[in-house]
Amino acid sequence: MGKGDMKTRRGKIFRGTYGKLRPRTKAVANPVGVKPQKKQGK
């Protein structure tokens, strides 16, 4: 287990790949359940 082991988190970080042990974190622009606020016109 170490940098060469693709089944570990450290091995995935070393290789630069993703998987079950190292999921990608997504920045959600508009999360579900949150509505954008409308600007009020004069």
C-alpha atoms as a PDB file:
ATOM      1  CA  MET A   1       0.000   0.000   0.000  1.00  0.00           C
ATOM      2  CA  GLY A   2       1.403   3.316  -1.030  1.00  0.00           C
ATOM      3  CA  LYS A   3       1.870   5.555  -4.010  1.00  0.00           C
ATOM      4  CA  GLY A   4       1.962   2.656  -6.447  1.00  0.00           C
ATOM      5  CA  ASP A   5      -1.266   1.068  -5.211  1.00  0.00           C
ATOM      6  CA  MET A   6      -4.151   2.293  -7.374  1.00  0.00           C
ATOM      7  CA  LYS A   7      -6.723   0.990  -4.869  1.00  0.00           C
ATOM      8  CA  THR A   8      -5.695   3.511  -2.227  1.00  0.00           C
ATOM      9  CA  ARG A   9      -6.399   7.223  -1.981  1.00  0.00           C
ATOM     10  CA  ARG A  10      -2.679   8.044  -1.923  1.00  0.00           C
ATOM     11  CA  GLY A  11      -2.115   6.059  -5.128  1.00  0.00           C
ATOM     12  CA  LYS A  12      -4.898   7.957  -6.860  1.00  0.00           C
ATOM     13  CA  ILE A  13      -3.513  11.324  -5.744  1.00  0.00           C
ATOM     14  CA  PHE A  14      -0.058  10.260  -6.998  1.00  0.00           C
ATOM     15  CA  ARG A  15      -1.441   9.239 -10.409  1.00  0.00           C
ATOM     16  CA  GLY A  16      -3.899  12.137 -10.601  1.00  0.00           C
ATOM     17  CA  THR A  17      -6.936   9.943 -11.143  1.00  0.00           C
ATOM     18  CA  TYR A  18     -10.313   9.745  -9.439  1.00  0.00           C
ATOM     19  CA  GLY A  19     -12.548   6.910  -8.307  1.00  0.00           C
ATOM     20  CA  LYS A  20     -14.601   5.605  -5.411  1.00  0.00           C
ATOM     21  CA  LEU A  21     -11.886   6.299  -2.856  1.00  0.00           C
ATOM     22  CA  ARG A  22     -11.137   9.740  -4.287  1.00  0.00           C
ATOM     23  CA  PRO A  23     -14.338  11.330  -5.605  1.00  0.00           C
ATOM     24  CA  ARG A  24     -14.287  14.628  -7.457  1.00  0.00           C
ATOM     25  CA  THR A  25     -15.661  17.578  -5.529  1.00  0.00           C
ATOM     26  CA  LYS A  26     -18.001  19.673  -7.626  1.00  0.00           C
ATOM     27  CA  ALA A  27     -18.699  23.329  -6.990  1.00  0.00           C
ATOM     28  CA  VAL A  28     -22.440  23.591  -7.460  1.00  0.00           C
ATOM     29  CA  ALA A  29     -23.451  26.908  -9.022  1.00  0.00           C
ATOM     30  CA  ASN A  30     -27.129  26.550  -8.139  1.00  0.00           C
ATOM     31  CA  PRO A  31     -27.821  23.909  -5.459  1.00  0.00           C
ATOM     32  CA  VAL A  32     -31.151  22.085  -5.541  1.00  0.00           C
ATOM     33  CA  GLY A  33     -33.810  23.806  -3.480  1.00  0.00           C
ATOM     34  CA  VAL A  34     -32.215  27.262  -3.665  1.00  0.00           C
ATOM     35  CA  LYS A  35     -33.905  29.644  -6.052  1.00  0.00           C
ATOM     36  CA  PRO A  36     -32.061  32.668  -7.438  1.00  0.00           C
ATOM     37  CA  GLN A  37     -33.409  35.956  -6.123  1.00  0.00           C
ATOM     38  CA  LYS A  38     -35.147  38.185  -8.630  1.00  0.00           C
ATOM     39  CA  LYS A  39     -34.215  41.836  -8.791  1.00  0.00           C
ATOM     40  CA  GLN A  40     -37.071  44.170  -8.089  1.00  0.00           C
ATOM     41  CA  GLY A  41     -37.665  46.791 -10.780  1.00  0.00           C
ATOM     42  CA  LYS A  42     -38.825  50.304  -9.940  1.00  0.00           C
END
